[in-house]
Amino acid sequence: MDSTGKVKIVDSSWYIPLPLKEYAMSRVTVYFYSGDRWVPIKYCSLGKAILLHQKANLEGKEILLFPEHLDPNQFSNSFNENALR
């Protein structure tokens, strides 16, 4: 959405469309990053998590959604080490 409130069409290889309706009830974990680790704050359906993400963004907060079986703490350290090289 641009500053006039109109929806902006994104033509980018980084653009990730919202998931199909059939995945809306899939369970995800909502995380925020604190200091040096990911902290899980809620388990919920993908549809609810997307709404929560949008509300958080409006308040200037950043949260991330991960599949419930994925723990980002297992890979964040190796990712951070590679990013610093």
PDB file of N, CA and C in Angstrom:
ATOM      1  N   MET A   1       0.850  -1.162   0.000  1.00  0.00           N
ATOM      2  CA  MET A   1       0.000   0.000   0.000  1.00  0.00           C
ATOM      3  C   MET A   1       0.898   1.226   0.000  1.00  0.00           C
ATOM      4  N   ASP A   2       0.564   2.181  -0.841  1.00  0.00           N
ATOM      5  CA  ASP A   2       1.380   3.399  -0.873  1.00  0.00           C
ATOM      6  C   ASP A   2       0.801   4.452   0.071  1.00  0.00           C
ATOM      7  N   SER A   3       1.385   5.642   0.099  1.00  0.00           N
ATOM      8  CA  SER A   3       0.970   6.681   1.040  1.00  0.00           C
ATOM      9  C   SER A   3      -0.439   7.210   0.790  1.00  0.00           C
ATOM     10  N   THR A   4      -0.982   6.976  -0.395  1.00  0.00           N
ATOM     11  CA  THR A   4      -2.357   7.422  -0.674  1.00  0.00           C
ATOM     12  C   THR A   4      -3.389   6.394  -0.239  1.00  0.00           C
ATOM     13  N   GLY A   5      -2.935   5.229   0.229  1.00  0.00           N
ATOM     14  CA  GLY A   5      -3.849   4.182   0.660  1.00  0.00           C
ATOM     15  C   GLY A   5      -4.214   3.206  -0.439  1.00  0.00           C
ATOM     16  N   LYS A   6      -3.637   3.398  -1.630  1.00  0.00           N
ATOM     17  CA  LYS A   6      -3.925   2.485  -2.730  1.00  0.00           C
ATOM     18  C   LYS A   6      -2.998   1.277  -2.662  1.00  0.00           C
ATOM     19  N   VAL A   7      -3.537   0.125  -3.044  1.00  0.00           N
ATOM     20  CA  VAL A   7      -2.737  -1.092  -3.062  1.00  0.00           C
ATOM     21  C   VAL A   7      -1.746  -1.012  -4.209  1.00  0.00           C
ATOM     22  N   LYS A   8      -0.511  -1.294  -3.903  1.00  0.00           N
ATOM     23  CA  LYS A   8       0.554  -1.221  -4.888  1.00  0.00           C
ATOM     24  C   LYS A   8       0.892  -2.632  -5.363  1.00  0.00           C
ATOM     25  N   ILE A   9       0.925  -2.837  -6.666  1.00  0.00           N
ATOM     26  CA  ILE A   9       1.301  -4.126  -7.227  1.00  0.00           C
ATOM     27  C   ILE A   9       2.823  -4.204  -7.267  1.00  0.00           C
ATOM     28  N   VAL A  10       3.357  -5.264  -6.697  1.00  0.00           N
ATOM     29  CA  VAL A  10       4.805  -5.424  -6.614  1.00  0.00           C
ATOM     30  C   VAL A  10       5.256  -6.411  -7.682  1.00  0.00           C
ATOM     31  N   ASP A  11       6.215  -5.995  -8.480  1.00  0.00           N
ATOM     32  CA  ASP A  11       6.788  -6.874  -9.496  1.00  0.00           C
ATOM     33  C   ASP A  11       8.245  -7.110  -9.112  1.00  0.00           C
ATOM     34  N   SER A  12       8.442  -8.126  -8.278  1.00  0.00           N
ATOM     35  CA  SER A  12       9.771  -8.380  -7.745  1.00  0.00           C
ATOM     36  C   SER A  12       9.948  -9.865  -7.501  1.00  0.00           C
ATOM     37  N   SER A  13      11.164 -10.339  -7.648  1.00  0.00           N
ATOM     38  CA  SER A  13      11.431 -11.739  -7.337  1.00  0.00           C
ATOM     39  C   SER A  13      11.367 -11.980  -5.831  1.00  0.00           C
ATOM     40  N   TRP A  14      11.405 -10.913  -5.018  1.00  0.00           N
ATOM     41  CA  TRP A  14      11.317 -11.044  -3.564  1.00  0.00           C
ATOM     42  C   TRP A  14       9.887 -11.027  -3.060  1.00  0.00           C
ATOM     43  N   TYR A  15       8.943 -10.733  -3.925  1.00  0.00           N
ATOM     44  CA  TYR A  15       7.542 -10.666  -3.532  1.00  0.00           C
ATOM     45  C   TYR A  15       7.026 -12.056  -3.186  1.00  0.00           C
ATOM     46  N   ILE A  16       6.440 -12.207  -2.007  1.00  0.00           N
ATOM     47  CA  ILE A  16       5.864 -13.476  -1.591  1.00  0.00           C
ATOM     48  C   ILE A  16       4.367 -13.249  -1.395  1.00  0.00           C
ATOM     49  N   PRO A  17       3.538 -13.880  -2.221  1.00  0.00           N
ATOM     50  CA  PRO A  17       2.094 -13.678  -2.090  1.00  0.00           C
ATOM     51  C   PRO A  17       1.565 -14.319  -0.810  1.00  0.00           C
ATOM     52  N   LEU A  18       0.419 -13.852  -0.347  1.00  0.00           N
ATOM     53  CA  LEU A  18      -0.211 -14.479   0.801  1.00  0.00           C
ATOM     54  C   LEU A  18      -0.555 -15.915   0.453  1.00  0.00           C
ATOM     55  N   PRO A  19      -0.555 -16.783   1.431  1.00  0.00           N
ATOM     56  CA  PRO A  19      -0.829 -18.194   1.152  1.00  0.00           C
ATOM     57  C   PRO A  19      -2.268 -18.424   0.703  1.00  0.00           C
ATOM     58  N   LEU A  20      -2.459 -19.534   0.040  1.00  0.00           N
ATOM     59  CA  LEU A  20      -3.788 -19.910  -0.408  1.00  0.00           C
ATOM     60  C   LEU A  20      -4.698 -20.173   0.789  1.00  0.00           C
ATOM     61  N   LYS A  21      -5.986 -20.009   0.569  1.00  0.00           N
ATOM     62  CA  LYS A  21      -6.970 -20.188   1.628  1.00  0.00           C
ATOM     63  C   LYS A  21      -6.850 -21.558   2.307  1.00  0.00           C
ATOM     64  N   GLU A  22      -6.467 -22.572   1.546  1.00  0.00           N
ATOM     65  CA  GLU A  22      -6.376 -23.922   2.104  1.00  0.00           C
ATOM     66  C   GLU A  22      -5.309 -24.046   3.200  1.00  0.00           C
ATOM     67  N   TYR A  23      -4.383 -23.083   3.284  1.00  0.00           N
ATOM     68  CA  TYR A  23      -3.337 -23.118   4.301  1.00  0.00           C
ATOM     69  C   TYR A  23      -3.647 -22.214   5.498  1.00  0.00           C
ATOM     70  N   ALA A  24      -4.751 -21.509   5.457  1.00  0.00           N
ATOM     71  CA  ALA A  24      -5.073 -20.531   6.495  1.00  0.00           C
ATOM     72  C   ALA A  24      -5.158 -21.139   7.890  1.00  0.00           C
ATOM     73  N   MET A  25      -5.517 -22.414   7.997  1.00  0.00           N
ATOM     74  CA  MET A  25      -5.638 -23.047   9.307  1.00  0.00           C
ATOM     75  C   MET A  25      -4.368 -23.786   9.724  1.00  0.00           C
ATOM     76  N   SER A  26      -3.325 -23.752   8.914  1.00  0.00           N
ATOM     77  CA  SER A  26      -2.050 -24.377   9.282  1.00  0.00           C
ATOM     78  C   SER A  26      -1.493 -23.691  10.525  1.00  0.00           C
ATOM     79  N   ARG A  27      -0.922 -24.476  11.425  1.00  0.00           N
ATOM     80  CA  ARG A  27      -0.381 -23.900  12.661  1.00  0.00           C
ATOM     81  C   ARG A  27       1.024 -23.337  12.428  1.00  0.00           C
ATOM     82  N   VAL A  28       1.265 -22.178  13.018  1.00  0.00           N
ATOM     83  CA  VAL A  28       2.570 -21.527  12.966  1.00  0.00           C
ATOM     84  C   VAL A  28       2.934 -21.050  14.368  1.00  0.00           C
ATOM     85  N   THR A  29       4.184 -20.684  14.522  1.00  0.00           N
ATOM     86  CA  THR A  29       4.655 -20.092  15.770  1.00  0.00           C
ATOM     87  C   THR A  29       5.067 -18.660  15.476  1.00  0.00           C
ATOM     88  N   VAL A  30       4.628 -17.740  16.315  1.00  0.00           N
ATOM     89  CA  VAL A  30       4.973 -16.328  16.187  1.00  0.00           C
ATOM     90  C   VAL A  30       6.168 -16.069  17.104  1.00  0.00           C
ATOM     91  N   TYR A  31       7.220 -15.469  16.550  1.00  0.00           N
ATOM     92  CA  TYR A  31       8.456 -15.189  17.298  1.00  0.00           C
ATOM     93  C   TYR A  31       8.807 -13.702  17.221  1.00  0.00           C
ATOM     94  N   PHE A  32       9.538 -13.253  18.221  1.00  0.00           N
ATOM     95  CA  PHE A  32      10.244 -11.975  18.104  1.00  0.00           C
ATOM     96  C   PHE A  32      11.694 -12.225  18.488  1.00  0.00           C
ATOM     97  N   TYR A  33      12.576 -11.337  18.035  1.00  0.00           N
ATOM     98  CA  TYR A  33      14.006 -11.505  18.284  1.00  0.00           C
ATOM     99  C   TYR A  33      14.401 -10.618  19.447  1.00  0.00           C
ATOM    100  N   SER A  34      15.018 -11.204  20.455  1.00  0.00           N
ATOM    101  CA  SER A  34      15.419 -10.460  21.645  1.00  0.00           C
ATOM    102  C   SER A  34      16.892 -10.712  21.918  1.00  0.00           C
ATOM    103  N   GLY A  35      17.693  -9.705  21.706  1.00  0.00           N
ATOM    104  CA  GLY A  35      19.125  -9.815  21.990  1.00  0.00           C
ATOM    105  C   GLY A  35      19.842 -10.769  21.070  1.00  0.00           C
ATOM    106  N   ASP A  36      19.906 -12.029  21.463  1.00  0.00           N
ATOM    107  CA  ASP A  36      20.651 -12.993  20.667  1.00  0.00           C
ATOM    108  C   ASP A  36      19.859 -14.265  20.368  1.00  0.00           C
ATOM    109  N   ARG A  37      18.540 -14.227  20.582  1.00  0.00           N
ATOM    110  CA  ARG A  37      17.753 -15.424  20.312  1.00  0.00           C
ATOM    111  C   ARG A  37      16.325 -15.095  19.929  1.00  0.00           C
ATOM    112  N   TRP A  38      15.698 -16.067  19.272  1.00  0.00           N
ATOM    113  CA  TRP A  38      14.297 -15.971  18.898  1.00  0.00           C
ATOM    114  C   TRP A  38      13.439 -16.443  20.064  1.00  0.00           C
ATOM    115  N   VAL A  39      12.418 -15.672  20.402  1.00  0.00           N
ATOM    116  CA  VAL A  39      11.543 -16.004  21.521  1.00  0.00           C
ATOM    117  C   VAL A  39      10.146 -16.297  20.986  1.00  0.00           C
ATOM    118  N   PRO A  40       9.637 -17.528  21.212  1.00  0.00           N
ATOM    119  CA  PRO A  40       8.277 -17.830  20.759  1.00  0.00           C
ATOM    120  C   PRO A  40       7.271 -17.123  21.660  1.00  0.00           C
ATOM    121  N   ILE A  41       6.270 -16.490  21.065  1.00  0.00           N
ATOM    122  CA  ILE A  41       5.273 -15.800  21.881  1.00  0.00           C
ATOM    123  C   ILE A  41       3.871 -16.354  21.714  1.00  0.00           C
ATOM    124  N   LYS A  42       3.626 -17.099  20.622  1.00  0.00           N
ATOM    125  CA  LYS A  42       2.270 -17.590  20.420  1.00  0.00           C
ATOM    126  C   LYS A  42       2.250 -18.665  19.341  1.00  0.00           C
ATOM    127  N   TYR A  43       1.380 -19.655  19.524  1.00  0.00           N
ATOM    128  CA  TYR A  43       1.081 -20.630  18.488  1.00  0.00           C
ATOM    129  C   TYR A  43      -0.336 -20.342  18.026  1.00  0.00           C
ATOM    130  N   CYS A  44      -0.546 -20.279  16.719  1.00  0.00           N
ATOM    131  CA  CYS A  44      -1.888 -20.025  16.207  1.00  0.00           C
ATOM    132  C   CYS A  44      -1.967 -20.419  14.737  1.00  0.00           C
ATOM    133  N   SER A  45      -3.130 -20.243  14.155  1.00  0.00           N
ATOM    134  CA  SER A  45      -3.294 -20.549  12.732  1.00  0.00           C
ATOM    135  C   SER A  45      -2.586 -19.490  11.901  1.00  0.00           C
ATOM    136  N   LEU A  46      -2.223 -19.847  10.697  1.00  0.00           N
ATOM    137  CA  LEU A  46      -1.535 -18.912   9.807  1.00  0.00           C
ATOM    138  C   LEU A  46      -2.378 -17.675   9.551  1.00  0.00           C
ATOM    139  N   GLY A  47      -3.676 -17.858   9.348  1.00  0.00           N
ATOM    140  CA  GLY A  47      -4.562 -16.718   9.113  1.00  0.00           C
ATOM    141  C   GLY A  47      -4.536 -15.720  10.260  1.00  0.00           C
ATOM    142  N   LYS A  48      -4.637 -16.206  11.504  1.00  0.00           N
ATOM    143  CA  LYS A  48      -4.586 -15.318  12.673  1.00  0.00           C
ATOM    144  C   LYS A  48      -3.206 -14.699  12.834  1.00  0.00           C
ATOM    145  N   ALA A  49      -2.170 -15.479  12.535  1.00  0.00           N
ATOM    146  CA  ALA A  49      -0.802 -14.973  12.672  1.00  0.00           C
ATOM    147  C   ALA A  49      -0.532 -13.829  11.689  1.00  0.00           C
ATOM    148  N   ILE A  50      -1.081 -13.926  10.481  1.00  0.00           N
ATOM    149  CA  ILE A  50      -0.909 -12.849   9.498  1.00  0.00           C
ATOM    150  C   ILE A  50      -1.575 -11.576  10.002  1.00  0.00           C
ATOM    151  N   LEU A  51      -2.768 -11.695  10.577  1.00  0.00           N
ATOM    152  CA  LEU A  51      -3.445 -10.524  11.145  1.00  0.00           C
ATOM    153  C   LEU A  51      -2.634  -9.935  12.295  1.00  0.00           C
ATOM    154  N   LEU A  52      -2.089 -10.789  13.149  1.00  0.00           N
ATOM    155  CA  LEU A  52      -1.255 -10.327  14.255  1.00  0.00           C
ATOM    156  C   LEU A  52      -0.001  -9.621  13.734  1.00  0.00           C
ATOM    157  N   HIS A  53       0.607 -10.159  12.689  1.00  0.00           N
ATOM    158  CA  HIS A  53       1.786  -9.552  12.076  1.00  0.00           C
ATOM    159  C   HIS A  53       1.464  -8.156  11.552  1.00  0.00           C
ATOM    160  N   GLN A  54       0.315  -8.014  10.887  1.00  0.00           N
ATOM    161  CA  GLN A  54      -0.089  -6.717  10.359  1.00  0.00           C
ATOM    162  C   GLN A  54      -0.315  -5.705  11.475  1.00  0.00           C
ATOM    163  N   LYS A  55      -0.959  -6.130  12.566  1.00  0.00           N
ATOM    164  CA  LYS A  55      -1.176  -5.233  13.705  1.00  0.00           C
ATOM    165  C   LYS A  55       0.152  -4.811  14.325  1.00  0.00           C
ATOM    166  N   ALA A  56       1.061  -5.757  14.470  1.00  0.00           N
ATOM    167  CA  ALA A  56       2.372  -5.455  15.049  1.00  0.00           C
ATOM    168  C   ALA A  56       3.113  -4.435  14.181  1.00  0.00           C
ATOM    169  N   ASN A  57       3.054  -4.614  12.856  1.00  0.00           N
ATOM    170  CA  ASN A  57       3.713  -3.661  11.955  1.00  0.00           C
ATOM    171  C   ASN A  57       3.143  -2.260  12.102  1.00  0.00           C
ATOM    172  N   LEU A  58       1.835  -2.146  12.267  1.00  0.00           N
ATOM    173  CA  LEU A  58       1.207  -0.834  12.449  1.00  0.00           C
ATOM    174  C   LEU A  58       1.693  -0.152  13.726  1.00  0.00           C
ATOM    175  N   GLU A  59       2.073  -0.954  14.716  1.00  0.00           N
ATOM    176  CA  GLU A  59       2.570  -0.411  15.981  1.00  0.00           C
ATOM    177  C   GLU A  59       4.089  -0.289  16.010  1.00  0.00           C
ATOM    178  N   GLY A  60       4.728  -0.545  14.856  1.00  0.00           N
ATOM    179  CA  GLY A  60       6.173  -0.419  14.772  1.00  0.00           C
ATOM    180  C   GLY A  60       6.940  -1.578  15.381  1.00  0.00           C
ATOM    181  N   LYS A  61       6.269  -2.699  15.600  1.00  0.00           N
ATOM    182  CA  LYS A  61       6.904  -3.888  16.161  1.00  0.00           C
ATOM    183  C   LYS A  61       7.185  -4.877  15.041  1.00  0.00           C
ATOM    184  N   GLU A  62       8.199  -5.708  15.238  1.00  0.00           N
ATOM    185  CA  GLU A  62       8.513  -6.723  14.239  1.00  0.00           C
ATOM    186  C   GLU A  62       8.398  -8.101  14.862  1.00  0.00           C
ATOM    187  N   ILE A  63       7.541  -8.915  14.270  1.00  0.00           N
ATOM    188  CA  ILE A  63       7.433 -10.313  14.649  1.00  0.00           C
ATOM    189  C   ILE A  63       7.556 -11.135  13.374  1.00  0.00           C
ATOM    190  N   LEU A  64       7.977 -12.369  13.533  1.00  0.00           N
ATOM    191  CA  LEU A  64       8.130 -13.259  12.379  1.00  0.00           C
ATOM    192  C   LEU A  64       7.355 -14.535  12.628  1.00  0.00           C
ATOM    193  N   LEU A  65       6.894 -15.153  11.551  1.00  0.00           N
ATOM    194  CA  LEU A  65       6.118 -16.378  11.620  1.00  0.00           C
ATOM    195  C   LEU A  65       6.943 -17.521  11.061  1.00  0.00           C
ATOM    196  N   PHE A  66       6.947 -18.642  11.770  1.00  0.00           N
ATOM    197  CA  PHE A  66       7.652 -19.831  11.319  1.00  0.00           C
ATOM    198  C   PHE A  66       6.716 -21.028  11.418  1.00  0.00           C
ATOM    199  N   PRO A  67       6.904 -22.027  10.563  1.00  0.00           N
ATOM    200  CA  PRO A  67       6.125 -23.265  10.727  1.00  0.00           C
ATOM    201  C   PRO A  67       6.336 -23.802  12.139  1.00  0.00           C
ATOM    202  N   GLU A  68       5.301 -24.435  12.701  1.00  0.00           N
ATOM    203  CA  GLU A  68       5.395 -24.839  14.114  1.00  0.00           C
ATOM    204  C   GLU A  68       6.508 -25.844  14.394  1.00  0.00           C
ATOM    205  N   HIS A  69       6.933 -26.599  13.411  1.00  0.00           N
ATOM    206  CA  HIS A  69       7.979 -27.607  13.626  1.00  0.00           C
ATOM    207  C   HIS A  69       9.392 -27.033  13.461  1.00  0.00           C
ATOM    208  N   LEU A  70       9.516 -25.751  13.098  1.00  0.00           N
ATOM    209  CA  LEU A  70      10.823 -25.150  12.846  1.00  0.00           C
ATOM    210  C   LEU A  70      11.214 -24.239  14.009  1.00  0.00           C
ATOM    211  N   ASP A  71      12.372 -24.451  14.574  1.00  0.00           N
ATOM    212  CA  ASP A  71      12.890 -23.603  15.640  1.00  0.00           C
ATOM    213  C   ASP A  71      14.005 -22.739  15.054  1.00  0.00           C
ATOM    214  N   PRO A  72      13.782 -21.437  14.877  1.00  0.00           N
ATOM    215  CA  PRO A  72      14.804 -20.587  14.253  1.00  0.00           C
ATOM    216  C   PRO A  72      16.079 -20.476  15.079  1.00  0.00           C
ATOM    217  N   ASN A  73      16.025 -20.825  16.361  1.00  0.00           N
ATOM    218  CA  ASN A  73      17.233 -20.793  17.185  1.00  0.00           C
ATOM    219  C   ASN A  73      18.237 -21.855  16.759  1.00  0.00           C
ATOM    220  N   GLN A  74      17.769 -22.878  16.055  1.00  0.00           N
ATOM    221  CA  GLN A  74      18.677 -23.925  15.598  1.00  0.00           C
ATOM    222  C   GLN A  74      19.556 -23.476  14.441  1.00  0.00           C
ATOM    223  N   PHE A  75      19.121 -22.479  13.703  1.00  0.00           N
ATOM    224  CA  PHE A  75      19.921 -22.039  12.557  1.00  0.00           C
ATOM    225  C   PHE A  75      20.339 -20.585  12.629  1.00  0.00           C
ATOM    226  N   SER A  76      19.873 -19.821  13.573  1.00  0.00           N
ATOM    227  CA  SER A  76      20.178 -18.384  13.597  1.00  0.00           C
ATOM    228  C   SER A  76      21.653 -18.106  13.840  1.00  0.00           C
ATOM    229  N   ASN A  77      22.324 -18.886  14.680  1.00  0.00           N
ATOM    230  CA  ASN A  77      23.742 -18.618  14.947  1.00  0.00           C
ATOM    231  C   ASN A  77      24.596 -18.842  13.712  1.00  0.00           C
ATOM    232  N   SER A  78      24.370 -19.935  12.984  1.00  0.00           N
ATOM    233  CA  SER A  78      25.169 -20.182  11.790  1.00  0.00           C
ATOM    234  C   SER A  78      24.862 -19.136  10.723  1.00  0.00           C
ATOM    235  N   PHE A  79      23.619 -18.698  10.665  1.00  0.00           N
ATOM    236  CA  PHE A  79      23.261 -17.655   9.705  1.00  0.00           C
ATOM    237  C   PHE A  79      23.973 -16.354  10.056  1.00  0.00           C
ATOM    238  N   ASN A  80      23.959 -15.985  11.335  1.00  0.00           N
ATOM    239  CA  ASN A  80      24.606 -14.752  11.756  1.00  0.00           C
ATOM    240  C   ASN A  80      26.115 -14.804  11.519  1.00  0.00           C
ATOM    241  N   GLU A  81      26.740 -15.947  11.762  1.00  0.00           N
ATOM    242  CA  GLU A  81      28.182 -16.074  11.531  1.00  0.00           C
ATOM    243  C   GLU A  81      28.510 -15.897  10.063  1.00  0.00           C
ATOM    244  N   ASN A  82      27.686 -16.485   9.190  1.00  0.00           N
ATOM    245  CA  ASN A  82      27.909 -16.340   7.743  1.00  0.00           C
ATOM    246  C   ASN A  82      27.669 -14.912   7.285  1.00  0.00           C
ATOM    247  N   ALA A  83      26.722 -14.221   7.903  1.00  0.00           N
ATOM    248  CA  ALA A  83      26.413 -12.862   7.502  1.00  0.00           C
ATOM    249  C   ALA A  83      27.562 -11.905   7.841  1.00  0.00           C
ATOM    250  N   LEU A  84      28.324 -12.238   8.897  1.00  0.00           N
ATOM    251  CA  LEU A  84      29.409 -11.357   9.339  1.00  0.00           C
ATOM    252  C   LEU A  84      30.679 -11.523   8.505  1.00  0.00           C
ATOM    253  N   ARG A  85      30.757 -12.571   7.703  1.00  0.00           N
ATOM    254  CA  ARG A  85      31.961 -12.811   6.908  1.00  0.00           C
ATOM    255  C   ARG A  85      32.041 -11.913   5.719  1.00  0.00           C
TER     256      ARG A  85
END
